[in-house]
């Protein structure tokens, strides 16, 4: 069974985790190929916007995986990763980092109490940090503001639409505006 799946925006390039195996499809789903057998416990994957690179979050940090090789881009404890436009955002204990092939790894923002990140599909400026609270960044993860206008605590998941957020909690699904009221 697959434990994680990532798809490039065009929809033809996919990556998946199946146990300690990292798989890839480049033909819209006709066939899977083995990209690597992983030694550290894999926790999440992401794929680049162009579908070329596959990123892996495991117990050793974050890496690009290609041709059965793991090339580190962040060493240390990382909690989550997400593709935001052309950047890969990495949530760590120290804060948020951004990685691009042409710039490398850069500190992006201070520590945010979160377990995962989410980005708006339309642009990389809107980033959500999901933890015990929901925090919003409108500058790509550089600064954060905790949302205090949500209808229920204990947020389980969030989806981003063009003009609203879908917030899933134990008590139901709620729709709230992207920008909190002033």
Protein backbone atom coordinates (compact mmCIF):
# COMPACT_ATOMS: atom_id res chain seq x y z
CA UNK A 1 0.00 0.00 0.00
CA UNK A 2 1.01 3.60 -0.61
CA UNK A 3 1.65 5.78 2.45
CA UNK A 4 2.28 9.08 0.63
CA UNK A 5 1.64 10.47 -2.82
CA UNK A 6 2.86 13.64 -4.56
CA UNK A 7 1.83 14.95 -7.96
CA UNK A 8 3.27 17.74 -10.13
CA UNK A 9 0.82 20.48 -11.17
CA UNK A 10 0.50 19.20 -14.74
CA UNK A 11 -0.70 15.85 -13.37
CA UNK A 12 1.49 13.44 -15.34
CA UNK A 13 4.42 13.15 -12.91
CA UNK A 14 3.82 11.33 -9.62
CA UNK A 15 5.92 10.04 -6.72
CA UNK A 16 4.79 7.61 -4.02
CA UNK A 17 6.03 5.92 -0.87
CA UNK A 18 5.34 2.22 -0.45
CA UNK A 19 7.03 1.15 2.76
CA UNK A 20 10.73 1.96 2.29
CA UNK A 21 10.42 2.10 -1.49
CA UNK A 22 10.19 5.43 -3.33
CA UNK A 23 8.34 5.00 -6.62
CA UNK A 24 7.86 7.31 -9.59
CA UNK A 25 5.53 7.63 -12.58
CA UNK A 26 6.41 9.93 -15.45
CA UNK A 27 3.83 8.74 -17.94
CA UNK A 28 0.57 9.81 -16.35
CA UNK A 29 0.13 6.56 -14.47
CA UNK A 30 0.85 3.85 -17.03
CA UNK A 31 3.73 2.33 -15.06
CA UNK A 32 5.72 2.76 -11.83
CA UNK A 33 9.51 2.63 -11.62
CA UNK A 34 11.64 2.21 -8.49
CA UNK A 35 13.46 5.44 -7.68
CA UNK A 36 15.15 4.21 -4.48
CA UNK A 37 15.00 1.81 -1.55
CA UNK A 38 15.31 4.02 1.52
CA UNK A 39 17.36 3.20 4.60
CA UNK A 40 15.98 5.88 6.96
CA UNK A 41 12.28 5.91 7.85
CA UNK A 42 10.47 7.90 5.14
CA UNK A 43 7.81 10.31 6.37
CA UNK A 44 6.77 12.53 3.45
CA UNK A 45 7.48 13.26 -0.19
CA UNK A 46 6.97 16.15 -2.57
CA UNK A 47 7.64 16.66 -6.28
CA UNK A 48 8.94 19.78 -8.03
CA UNK A 49 6.59 22.00 -10.01
CA UNK A 50 8.10 20.79 -13.28
CA UNK A 51 7.89 17.13 -12.17
CA UNK A 52 11.64 16.62 -12.51
CA UNK A 53 12.79 16.36 -8.86
CA UNK A 54 11.46 14.21 -6.02
CA UNK A 55 12.04 15.42 -2.46
CA UNK A 56 12.06 13.12 0.55
CA UNK A 57 11.55 13.88 4.24
CA UNK A 58 12.97 11.09 6.40
CA UNK A 59 14.61 10.66 9.80
CA UNK A 60 17.86 12.12 8.41
CA UNK A 61 16.33 15.36 7.08
CA UNK A 62 15.28 16.39 3.56
CA UNK A 63 16.91 15.25 0.31
CA UNK A 64 16.49 15.05 -3.43
CA UNK A 65 16.28 11.44 -4.57
CA UNK A 66 17.32 10.45 -8.09
CA UNK A 67 18.92 7.39 -9.65
CA UNK A 68 18.80 5.48 -6.35
CA UNK A 69 20.87 8.23 -4.68
CA UNK A 70 19.89 10.49 -1.78
CA UNK A 71 21.39 14.02 -1.98
CA UNK A 72 20.79 15.99 1.25
CA UNK A 73 19.45 19.54 1.08
CA UNK A 74 18.61 19.85 4.82
CA UNK A 75 20.25 17.82 7.59
CA UNK A 76 18.45 17.61 10.90
CA UNK A 77 14.97 17.32 12.34
CA UNK A 78 12.31 18.39 9.86
CA UNK A 79 8.59 18.05 10.49
CA UNK A 80 7.03 18.68 7.10
CA UNK A 81 7.74 19.83 3.57
CA UNK A 82 5.55 21.36 0.90
CA UNK A 83 6.07 22.72 -2.60
CA UNK A 84 5.04 26.37 -2.93
CA UNK A 85 5.42 27.48 -6.50
CA UNK A 86 9.07 26.89 -7.44
CA UNK A 87 10.22 26.60 -3.83
CA UNK A 88 10.29 23.75 -1.37
CA UNK A 89 9.37 24.94 2.14
CA UNK A 90 10.73 22.89 5.02
CA UNK A 91 9.23 23.14 8.52
CA UNK A 92 11.85 22.52 11.24
CA UNK A 93 12.23 23.05 14.97
CA UNK A 94 14.20 26.25 14.21
CA UNK A 95 11.76 27.75 11.72
CA UNK A 96 10.86 27.58 8.06
CA UNK A 97 13.48 27.17 5.32
CA UNK A 98 13.08 27.63 1.57
CA UNK A 99 15.04 25.62 -0.98
CA UNK A 100 15.46 26.21 -4.72
CA UNK A 101 17.94 24.55 -7.04
CA UNK A 102 19.30 27.92 -8.19
CA UNK A 103 19.63 29.42 -4.69
CA UNK A 104 20.07 26.51 -2.32
CA UNK A 105 18.73 26.51 1.24
CA UNK A 106 17.77 29.82 2.88
CA UNK A 107 16.20 30.57 6.28
CA UNK A 108 12.71 31.86 5.55
CA UNK A 109 10.97 32.51 8.85
CA UNK A 110 11.10 32.10 12.58
CA UNK A 111 9.80 29.11 14.47
CA UNK A 112 6.07 28.56 14.12
CA UNK A 113 4.24 26.06 16.36
CA UNK A 114 3.00 23.72 13.66
CA UNK A 115 3.09 20.12 12.48
CA UNK A 116 2.49 20.80 8.79
CA UNK A 117 2.42 23.49 6.12
CA UNK A 118 0.07 24.11 3.20
CA UNK A 119 0.39 26.49 0.25
CA UNK A 120 -2.12 28.15 -2.02
CA UNK A 121 -2.11 26.67 -5.51
CA UNK A 122 -2.39 30.09 -7.15
CA UNK A 123 0.77 31.49 -5.57
CA UNK A 124 3.52 30.84 -3.11
CA UNK A 125 2.83 33.91 -0.96
CA UNK A 126 -0.02 32.34 1.07
CA UNK A 127 1.27 29.66 3.43
CA UNK A 128 -0.66 28.04 6.28
CA UNK A 129 0.92 26.44 9.34
CA UNK A 130 -1.27 23.85 10.99
CA UNK A 131 -0.66 23.04 14.66
CA UNK A 132 -2.78 23.49 17.76
CA UNK A 133 -3.72 26.80 16.08
CA UNK A 134 -3.84 27.82 12.46
CA UNK A 135 -1.26 30.45 11.51
CA UNK A 136 -1.27 32.38 8.24
CA UNK A 137 1.62 33.89 6.31
CA UNK A 138 1.00 36.20 3.37
CA UNK A 139 4.72 36.61 2.56
CA UNK A 140 5.84 33.06 1.80
CA UNK A 141 6.50 32.03 5.41
CA UNK A 142 8.58 35.00 6.57
CA UNK A 143 6.07 36.24 9.16
CA UNK A 144 3.12 34.49 10.81
CA UNK A 145 -0.17 35.49 12.40
CA UNK A 146 -2.24 33.07 14.48
CA UNK A 147 -5.89 32.96 13.42
CA UNK A 148 -8.25 33.72 16.30
CA UNK A 149 -11.42 33.86 14.19
CA UNK A 150 -11.93 30.14 13.62
CA UNK A 151 -15.25 28.56 14.63
CA UNK A 152 -13.77 25.52 16.41
CA UNK A 153 -10.51 24.55 18.11
CA UNK A 154 -8.46 21.39 17.49
CA UNK A 155 -7.99 21.73 13.73
CA UNK A 156 -7.33 18.43 11.95
CA UNK A 157 -6.85 19.57 8.35
CA UNK A 158 -7.10 22.59 6.08
CA UNK A 159 -7.74 23.03 2.37
CA UNK A 160 -7.03 26.25 0.46
CA UNK A 161 -9.38 27.50 -2.27
CA UNK A 162 -8.96 30.69 -4.29
CA UNK A 163 -10.97 32.82 -1.87
CA UNK A 164 -11.49 30.74 1.29
CA UNK A 165 -10.14 28.12 3.64
CA UNK A 166 -11.85 24.83 4.38
CA UNK A 167 -11.11 23.89 7.99
CA UNK A 168 -11.74 20.33 9.19
CA UNK A 169 -12.24 19.70 12.91
CA UNK A 170 -13.68 16.93 15.06
CA UNK A 171 -16.94 18.91 15.20
CA UNK A 172 -17.30 19.50 11.46
CA UNK A 173 -16.11 21.23 8.31
CA UNK A 174 -16.05 25.04 8.27
CA UNK A 175 -15.45 27.68 5.59
CA UNK A 176 -13.62 30.88 6.58
CA UNK A 177 -12.16 33.74 4.55
CA UNK A 178 -8.49 33.53 3.64
CA UNK A 179 -7.71 36.84 5.33
CA UNK A 180 -8.86 37.12 8.94
CA UNK A 181 -11.10 40.06 9.81
CA UNK A 182 -9.18 43.21 10.84
